[in-house]
């Protein structure tokens, strides 16, 4: 029953909250759809931490997509062997994971040590900071340590297959039985952040200024 809840019911609940929560948030709280920037309070640590985090989160995201959603045989069909994939996942993924972890450490340290920033922060802001920090840490640990210690474990034959089963509404909780604990924690907290997403400042991720690319030029004239 616990496995069925963790690996079948809980993921679907998180996704449902993610979708419905965003619709609800957008309908009743459009003015709160913001990152609530605290740049005017403290800028240096924010700039460093934010650059490190946002620089690394994109390759980390796409690395997860490739590793979890694309079957190993498909990659092998285009010339990506197991050895080549392992190098990319461990070394390239590990590098960007560490960069992302450093960014989250700086951002979290800033939020709890800068008095003005801490007073401006809501409980959800602090919770999201620590949760993202933990997810990043456990992910880096699983990639660099667990993979090195548990050499016979292949997440592409367990976690990836289980996740693809979720997407087609045919989940198999048994696939997660022998998955190392660090990977299980990383997966559970990952789904948890999706459930918390619509209730926090993370919604600003969907407000990218794409219209800026096609906007008209702004002409400045000197006032004589």
C-alpha atoms as a PDB file:
ATOM      1  CA  UNK A   1       0.000   0.000   0.000  1.00  0.00           C
ATOM      2  CA  UNK A   2       2.852   2.380   0.803  1.00  0.00           C
ATOM      3  CA  UNK A   3       4.517   1.685  -2.543  1.00  0.00           C
ATOM      4  CA  UNK A   4       1.226   2.178  -4.373  1.00  0.00           C
ATOM      5  CA  UNK A   5       0.753   5.523  -2.651  1.00  0.00           C
ATOM      6  CA  UNK A   6       4.312   6.779  -3.182  1.00  0.00           C
ATOM      7  CA  UNK A   7       4.775   5.672  -6.770  1.00  0.00           C
ATOM      8  CA  UNK A   8       1.240   5.828  -8.179  1.00  0.00           C
ATOM      9  CA  UNK A   9      -1.158   7.970  -6.150  1.00  0.00           C
ATOM     10  CA  UNK A  10       1.241  10.636  -4.887  1.00  0.00           C
ATOM     11  CA  UNK A  11       2.701  11.562  -8.319  1.00  0.00           C
ATOM     12  CA  UNK A  12      -0.758  11.916  -9.854  1.00  0.00           C
ATOM     13  CA  UNK A  13      -1.916  14.015  -6.882  1.00  0.00           C
ATOM     14  CA  UNK A  14       1.078  16.338  -7.302  1.00  0.00           C
ATOM     15  CA  UNK A  15       0.461  16.744 -11.031  1.00  0.00           C
ATOM     16  CA  UNK A  16      -3.247  17.418 -10.431  1.00  0.00           C
ATOM     17  CA  UNK A  17      -2.430  20.075  -7.818  1.00  0.00           C
ATOM     18  CA  UNK A  18       0.152  21.553 -10.202  1.00  0.00           C
ATOM     19  CA  UNK A  19      -2.375  21.948 -13.038  1.00  0.00           C
ATOM     20  CA  UNK A  20      -5.464  22.950 -11.038  1.00  0.00           C
ATOM     21  CA  UNK A  21      -3.423  25.151  -8.718  1.00  0.00           C
ATOM     22  CA  UNK A  22      -2.008  27.194 -11.583  1.00  0.00           C
ATOM     23  CA  UNK A  23      -5.456  27.733 -13.066  1.00  0.00           C
ATOM     24  CA  UNK A  24      -6.800  28.812  -9.676  1.00  0.00           C
ATOM     25  CA  UNK A  25      -3.811  31.078  -8.966  1.00  0.00           C
ATOM     26  CA  UNK A  26      -4.051  32.759 -12.360  1.00  0.00           C
ATOM     27  CA  UNK A  27      -7.771  33.413 -11.999  1.00  0.00           C
ATOM     28  CA  UNK A  28      -7.707  34.934  -8.516  1.00  0.00           C
ATOM     29  CA  UNK A  29      -4.176  36.269  -7.996  1.00  0.00           C
ATOM     30  CA  UNK A  30      -2.698  37.661 -11.207  1.00  0.00           C
ATOM     31  CA  UNK A  31      -1.180  40.609  -9.330  1.00  0.00           C
ATOM     32  CA  UNK A  32       0.672  38.149  -7.112  1.00  0.00           C
ATOM     33  CA  UNK A  33       2.126  36.359 -10.144  1.00  0.00           C
ATOM     34  CA  UNK A  34       5.604  37.694  -9.526  1.00  0.00           C
ATOM     35  CA  UNK A  35       9.041  36.765  -8.248  1.00  0.00           C
ATOM     36  CA  UNK A  36       8.862  39.563  -5.627  1.00  0.00           C
ATOM     37  CA  UNK A  37      12.434  40.600  -6.327  1.00  0.00           C
ATOM     38  CA  UNK A  38      14.513  41.791  -3.366  1.00  0.00           C
ATOM     39  CA  UNK A  39      17.291  43.185  -5.554  1.00  0.00           C
ATOM     40  CA  UNK A  40      16.913  46.683  -4.119  1.00  0.00           C
ATOM     41  CA  UNK A  41      17.761  45.301  -0.658  1.00  0.00           C
ATOM     42  CA  UNK A  42      20.831  43.234  -1.565  1.00  0.00           C
ATOM     43  CA  UNK A  43      22.213  42.761  -5.054  1.00  0.00           C
ATOM     44  CA  UNK A  44      25.662  41.146  -5.055  1.00  0.00           C
ATOM     45  CA  UNK A  45      24.801  37.736  -3.566  1.00  0.00           C
ATOM     46  CA  UNK A  46      21.507  37.688  -5.477  1.00  0.00           C
ATOM     47  CA  UNK A  47      23.306  38.274  -8.762  1.00  0.00           C
ATOM     48  CA  UNK A  48      25.924  35.552  -8.178  1.00  0.00           C
ATOM     49  CA  UNK A  49      23.477  32.970  -6.830  1.00  0.00           C
ATOM     50  CA  UNK A  50      20.835  33.703  -9.447  1.00  0.00           C
ATOM     51  CA  UNK A  51      23.304  33.479 -12.348  1.00  0.00           C
ATOM     52  CA  UNK A  52      24.709  30.170 -11.093  1.00  0.00           C
ATOM     53  CA  UNK A  53      21.230  28.721 -10.542  1.00  0.00           C
ATOM     54  CA  UNK A  54      19.642  29.863 -13.793  1.00  0.00           C
ATOM     55  CA  UNK A  55      22.764  29.028 -15.809  1.00  0.00           C
ATOM     56  CA  UNK A  56      22.674  25.423 -14.614  1.00  0.00           C
ATOM     57  CA  UNK A  57      18.967  24.681 -14.195  1.00  0.00           C
ATOM     58  CA  UNK A  58      18.328  24.605 -17.966  1.00  0.00           C
ATOM     59  CA  UNK A  59      20.912  21.894 -18.822  1.00  0.00           C
ATOM     60  CA  UNK A  60      19.888  19.988 -15.674  1.00  0.00           C
ATOM     61  CA  UNK A  61      16.256  20.088 -16.789  1.00  0.00           C
ATOM     62  CA  UNK A  62      17.012  18.869 -20.303  1.00  0.00           C
ATOM     63  CA  UNK A  63      19.372  16.241 -18.921  1.00  0.00           C
ATOM     64  CA  UNK A  64      16.497  14.864 -16.840  1.00  0.00           C
ATOM     65  CA  UNK A  65      14.251  14.852 -19.901  1.00  0.00           C
ATOM     66  CA  UNK A  66      16.759  12.865 -21.954  1.00  0.00           C
ATOM     67  CA  UNK A  67      17.601  10.401 -19.200  1.00  0.00           C
ATOM     68  CA  UNK A  68      14.041   9.783 -18.038  1.00  0.00           C
ATOM     69  CA  UNK A  69      11.874  10.072 -21.126  1.00  0.00           C
ATOM     70  CA  UNK A  70      14.028   8.724 -23.957  1.00  0.00           C
ATOM     71  CA  UNK A  71      14.534   4.922 -23.874  1.00  0.00           C
ATOM     72  CA  UNK A  72      18.142   3.726 -23.851  1.00  0.00           C
ATOM     73  CA  UNK A  73      17.683   1.755 -27.084  1.00  0.00           C
ATOM     74  CA  UNK A  74      16.589   4.930 -28.891  1.00  0.00           C
ATOM     75  CA  UNK A  75      19.781   6.707 -27.874  1.00  0.00           C
ATOM     76  CA  UNK A  76      21.867   3.699 -28.856  1.00  0.00           C
ATOM     77  CA  UNK A  77      20.171   3.733 -32.259  1.00  0.00           C
ATOM     78  CA  UNK A  78      21.607   7.196 -32.944  1.00  0.00           C
ATOM     79  CA  UNK A  79      25.071   6.321 -31.667  1.00  0.00           C
ATOM     80  CA  UNK A  80      24.856   7.267 -27.987  1.00  0.00           C
ATOM     81  CA  UNK A  81      26.352   4.191 -26.323  1.00  0.00           C
ATOM     82  CA  UNK A  82      25.983   3.294 -22.649  1.00  0.00           C
ATOM     83  CA  UNK A  83      29.535   4.485 -21.954  1.00  0.00           C
ATOM     84  CA  UNK A  84      29.012   7.792 -23.739  1.00  0.00           C
ATOM     85  CA  UNK A  85      25.717   8.368 -21.959  1.00  0.00           C
ATOM     86  CA  UNK A  86      27.325   7.562 -18.608  1.00  0.00           C
ATOM     87  CA  UNK A  87      30.049  10.147 -19.215  1.00  0.00           C
ATOM     88  CA  UNK A  88      27.481  12.794 -20.073  1.00  0.00           C
ATOM     89  CA  UNK A  89      25.187  11.946 -17.160  1.00  0.00           C
ATOM     90  CA  UNK A  90      27.866  11.741 -14.477  1.00  0.00           C
ATOM     91  CA  UNK A  91      30.458  14.313 -15.533  1.00  0.00           C
ATOM     92  CA  UNK A  92      28.442  16.881 -17.478  1.00  0.00           C
ATOM     93  CA  UNK A  93      25.322  16.405 -15.350  1.00  0.00           C
ATOM     94  CA  UNK A  94      27.408  16.354 -12.179  1.00  0.00           C
ATOM     95  CA  UNK A  95      29.143  19.601 -13.148  1.00  0.00           C
ATOM     96  CA  UNK A  96      25.909  21.495 -13.769  1.00  0.00           C
ATOM     97  CA  UNK A  97      24.398  19.920 -10.658  1.00  0.00           C
ATOM     98  CA  UNK A  98      27.249  21.233  -8.515  1.00  0.00           C
ATOM     99  CA  UNK A  99      26.929  24.702 -10.091  1.00  0.00           C
ATOM    100  CA  UNK A 100      23.206  24.652  -9.376  1.00  0.00           C
ATOM    101  CA  UNK A 101      23.879  23.537  -5.790  1.00  0.00           C
ATOM    102  CA  UNK A 102      26.330  26.405  -5.264  1.00  0.00           C
ATOM    103  CA  UNK A 103      23.752  28.848  -6.585  1.00  0.00           C
ATOM    104  CA  UNK A 104      21.082  27.499  -4.225  1.00  0.00           C
ATOM    105  CA  UNK A 105      23.473  27.625  -1.260  1.00  0.00           C
ATOM    106  CA  UNK A 106      24.203  31.299  -1.961  1.00  0.00           C
ATOM    107  CA  UNK A 107      20.526  32.183  -2.464  1.00  0.00           C
ATOM    108  CA  UNK A 108      19.426  30.304   0.665  1.00  0.00           C
ATOM    109  CA  UNK A 109      22.261  31.764   2.767  1.00  0.00           C
ATOM    110  CA  UNK A 110      21.309  35.232   1.562  1.00  0.00           C
ATOM    111  CA  UNK A 111      17.638  34.746   2.416  1.00  0.00           C
ATOM    112  CA  UNK A 112      18.230  33.622   5.987  1.00  0.00           C
ATOM    113  CA  UNK A 113      21.227  35.808   6.908  1.00  0.00           C
ATOM    114  CA  UNK A 114      20.228  39.160   5.386  1.00  0.00           C
ATOM    115  CA  UNK A 115      17.768  40.571   7.878  1.00  0.00           C
ATOM    116  CA  UNK A 116      15.911  42.791   5.415  1.00  0.00           C
ATOM    117  CA  UNK A 117      15.578  39.975   2.888  1.00  0.00           C
ATOM    118  CA  UNK A 118      14.395  37.567   5.582  1.00  0.00           C
ATOM    119  CA  UNK A 119      11.759  40.018   6.806  1.00  0.00           C
ATOM    120  CA  UNK A 120      10.516  40.475   3.252  1.00  0.00           C
ATOM    121  CA  UNK A 121      10.303  36.712   2.722  1.00  0.00           C
ATOM    122  CA  UNK A 122       7.138  34.728   3.318  1.00  0.00           C
ATOM    123  CA  UNK A 123       7.059  31.272   4.881  1.00  0.00           C
ATOM    124  CA  UNK A 124       6.578  29.773   1.408  1.00  0.00           C
ATOM    125  CA  UNK A 125       9.652  31.612   0.092  1.00  0.00           C
ATOM    126  CA  UNK A 126      11.863  30.110   2.792  1.00  0.00           C
ATOM    127  CA  UNK A 127      10.296  26.667   2.407  1.00  0.00           C
ATOM    128  CA  UNK A 128      10.842  26.657  -1.360  1.00  0.00           C
ATOM    129  CA  UNK A 129      14.444  27.805  -0.927  1.00  0.00           C
ATOM    130  CA  UNK A 130      15.273  24.961   1.452  1.00  0.00           C
ATOM    131  CA  UNK A 131      13.330  22.401  -0.565  1.00  0.00           C
ATOM    132  CA  UNK A 132      15.115  23.342  -3.799  1.00  0.00           C
ATOM    133  CA  UNK A 133      18.420  23.268  -1.936  1.00  0.00           C
ATOM    134  CA  UNK A 134      17.656  19.788  -0.611  1.00  0.00           C
ATOM    135  CA  UNK A 135      16.440  18.470  -3.982  1.00  0.00           C
ATOM    136  CA  UNK A 136      19.594  19.746  -5.659  1.00  0.00           C
ATOM    137  CA  UNK A 137      21.860  18.320  -2.964  1.00  0.00           C
ATOM    138  CA  UNK A 138      20.250  14.873  -2.958  1.00  0.00           C
ATOM    139  CA  UNK A 139      20.308  14.823  -6.761  1.00  0.00           C
ATOM    140  CA  UNK A 140      24.030  15.635  -6.889  1.00  0.00           C
ATOM    141  CA  UNK A 141      24.707  13.084  -4.146  1.00  0.00           C
ATOM    142  CA  UNK A 142      22.764  10.390  -5.995  1.00  0.00           C
ATOM    143  CA  UNK A 143      24.565  11.153  -9.263  1.00  0.00           C
ATOM    144  CA  UNK A 144      28.108  11.325  -7.938  1.00  0.00           C
ATOM    145  CA  UNK A 145      28.053   9.077  -4.867  1.00  0.00           C
ATOM    146  CA  UNK A 146      25.209   6.568  -5.110  1.00  0.00           C
ATOM    147  CA  UNK A 147      25.981   5.755  -8.749  1.00  0.00           C
ATOM    148  CA  UNK A 148      29.608   5.116  -7.789  1.00  0.00           C
ATOM    149  CA  UNK A 149      28.749   2.934  -4.787  1.00  0.00           C
ATOM    150  CA  UNK A 150      25.785   0.982  -6.184  1.00  0.00           C
ATOM    151  CA  UNK A 151      27.439   0.037  -9.449  1.00  0.00           C
ATOM    152  CA  UNK A 152      24.772  -2.458 -10.562  1.00  0.00           C
ATOM    153  CA  UNK A 153      21.947   0.098 -10.440  1.00  0.00           C
ATOM    154  CA  UNK A 154      20.660   1.577 -13.699  1.00  0.00           C
ATOM    155  CA  UNK A 155      17.942   4.184 -13.283  1.00  0.00           C
ATOM    156  CA  UNK A 156      17.136   3.977 -16.983  1.00  0.00           C
ATOM    157  CA  UNK A 157      15.902   0.423 -16.407  1.00  0.00           C
ATOM    158  CA  UNK A 158      13.809   1.321 -13.357  1.00  0.00           C
ATOM    159  CA  UNK A 159      12.990   4.993 -12.675  1.00  0.00           C
ATOM    160  CA  UNK A 160      12.793   5.930 -16.353  1.00  0.00           C
ATOM    161  CA  UNK A 161      10.498   3.017 -17.202  1.00  0.00           C
ATOM    162  CA  UNK A 162       8.319   3.770 -14.177  1.00  0.00           C
ATOM    163  CA  UNK A 163       8.010   7.459 -15.119  1.00  0.00           C
ATOM    164  CA  UNK A 164       7.116   6.689 -18.714  1.00  0.00           C
ATOM    165  CA  UNK A 165       4.482   4.315 -17.343  1.00  0.00           C
ATOM    166  CA  UNK A 166       3.018   7.181 -15.331  1.00  0.00           C
ATOM    167  CA  UNK A 167       2.781   9.311 -18.458  1.00  0.00           C
ATOM    168  CA  UNK A 168       0.743   6.681 -20.302  1.00  0.00           C
ATOM    169  CA  UNK A 169      -1.376   5.910 -17.187  1.00  0.00           C
ATOM    170  CA  UNK A 170       0.130   2.471 -16.740  1.00  0.00           C
ATOM    171  CA  UNK A 171       2.421   2.868 -13.700  1.00  0.00           C
ATOM    172  CA  UNK A 172       4.220  -0.085 -12.153  1.00  0.00           C
ATOM    173  CA  UNK A 173       5.191   0.599  -8.543  1.00  0.00           C
ATOM    174  CA  UNK A 174       7.289  -2.590  -8.448  1.00  0.00           C
ATOM    175  CA  UNK A 175       9.877  -0.896 -10.660  1.00  0.00           C
ATOM    176  CA  UNK A 176      10.766   1.412  -7.758  1.00  0.00           C
ATOM    177  CA  UNK A 177      11.195  -1.351  -5.166  1.00  0.00           C
ATOM    178  CA  UNK A 178      14.961  -1.815  -5.507  1.00  0.00           C
ATOM    179  CA  UNK A 179      15.808   1.802  -6.336  1.00  0.00           C
ATOM    180  CA  UNK A 180      18.401   3.251  -3.889  1.00  0.00           C
ATOM    181  CA  UNK A 181      16.980   5.506  -1.165  1.00  0.00           C
ATOM    182  CA  UNK A 182      18.690   8.673  -2.410  1.00  0.00           C
ATOM    183  CA  UNK A 183      17.034   8.352  -5.808  1.00  0.00           C
ATOM    184  CA  UNK A 184      13.660   7.671  -4.168  1.00  0.00           C
ATOM    185  CA  UNK A 185      13.969  10.794  -2.019  1.00  0.00           C
ATOM    186  CA  UNK A 186      14.998  12.841  -5.054  1.00  0.00           C
ATOM    187  CA  UNK A 187      11.943  11.651  -6.996  1.00  0.00           C
ATOM    188  CA  UNK A 188       9.475  12.222  -4.134  1.00  0.00           C
ATOM    189  CA  UNK A 189      10.755  15.721  -3.337  1.00  0.00           C
ATOM    190  CA  UNK A 190      10.781  16.504  -7.040  1.00  0.00           C
ATOM    191  CA  UNK A 191       7.074  15.753  -7.306  1.00  0.00           C
ATOM    192  CA  UNK A 192       6.482  17.652  -4.051  1.00  0.00           C
ATOM    193  CA  UNK A 193       7.953  20.836  -5.525  1.00  0.00           C
ATOM    194  CA  UNK A 194       5.516  20.499  -8.428  1.00  0.00           C
ATOM    195  CA  UNK A 195       2.632  20.374  -5.945  1.00  0.00           C
ATOM    196  CA  UNK A 196       3.891  23.478  -4.120  1.00  0.00           C
ATOM    197  CA  UNK A 197       4.702  25.363  -7.328  1.00  0.00           C
ATOM    198  CA  UNK A 198       1.355  27.176  -7.918  1.00  0.00           C
ATOM    199  CA  UNK A 199       1.219  28.419  -4.311  1.00  0.00           C
ATOM    200  CA  UNK A 200       4.684  29.997  -4.342  1.00  0.00           C
ATOM    201  CA  UNK A 201       6.762  32.547  -6.233  1.00  0.00           C
ATOM    202  CA  UNK A 202       7.880  29.796  -8.608  1.00  0.00           C
ATOM    203  CA  UNK A 203       4.947  30.734 -10.849  1.00  0.00           C
ATOM    204  CA  UNK A 204       7.101  33.556 -12.221  1.00  0.00           C
ATOM    205  CA  UNK A 205       8.884  30.909 -14.316  1.00  0.00           C
ATOM    206  CA  UNK A 206       5.906  31.017 -16.712  1.00  0.00           C
ATOM    207  CA  UNK A 207       6.152  34.789 -17.173  1.00  0.00           C
ATOM    208  CA  UNK A 208       9.176  34.897 -19.449  1.00  0.00           C
ATOM    209  CA  UNK A 209       9.136  38.107 -21.527  1.00  0.00           C
ATOM    210  CA  UNK A 210       9.058  36.447 -24.955  1.00  0.00           C
ATOM    211  CA  UNK A 211       7.369  39.528 -26.440  1.00  0.00           C
ATOM    212  CA  UNK A 212      10.561  41.468 -25.694  1.00  0.00           C
ATOM    213  CA  UNK A 213      12.239  39.790 -28.680  1.00  0.00           C
ATOM    214  CA  UNK A 214       9.737  41.190 -31.184  1.00  0.00           C
ATOM    215  CA  UNK A 215       9.043  44.544 -29.560  1.00  0.00           C
ATOM    216  CA  UNK A 216       9.579  47.844 -31.371  1.00  0.00           C
ATOM    217  CA  UNK A 217      12.760  49.744 -30.760  1.00  0.00           C
ATOM    218  CA  UNK A 218      12.649  52.442 -28.112  1.00  0.00           C
ATOM    219  CA  UNK A 219      14.008  55.686 -29.485  1.00  0.00           C
ATOM    220  CA  UNK A 220      15.693  58.046 -27.012  1.00  0.00           C
ATOM    221  CA  UNK A 221      16.219  61.697 -27.869  1.00  0.00           C
ATOM    222  CA  UNK A 222      18.420  64.060 -25.973  1.00  0.00           C
ATOM    223  CA  UNK A 223      16.551  66.833 -24.164  1.00  0.00           C
ATOM    224  CA  UNK A 224      18.202  70.123 -25.121  1.00  0.00           C
END
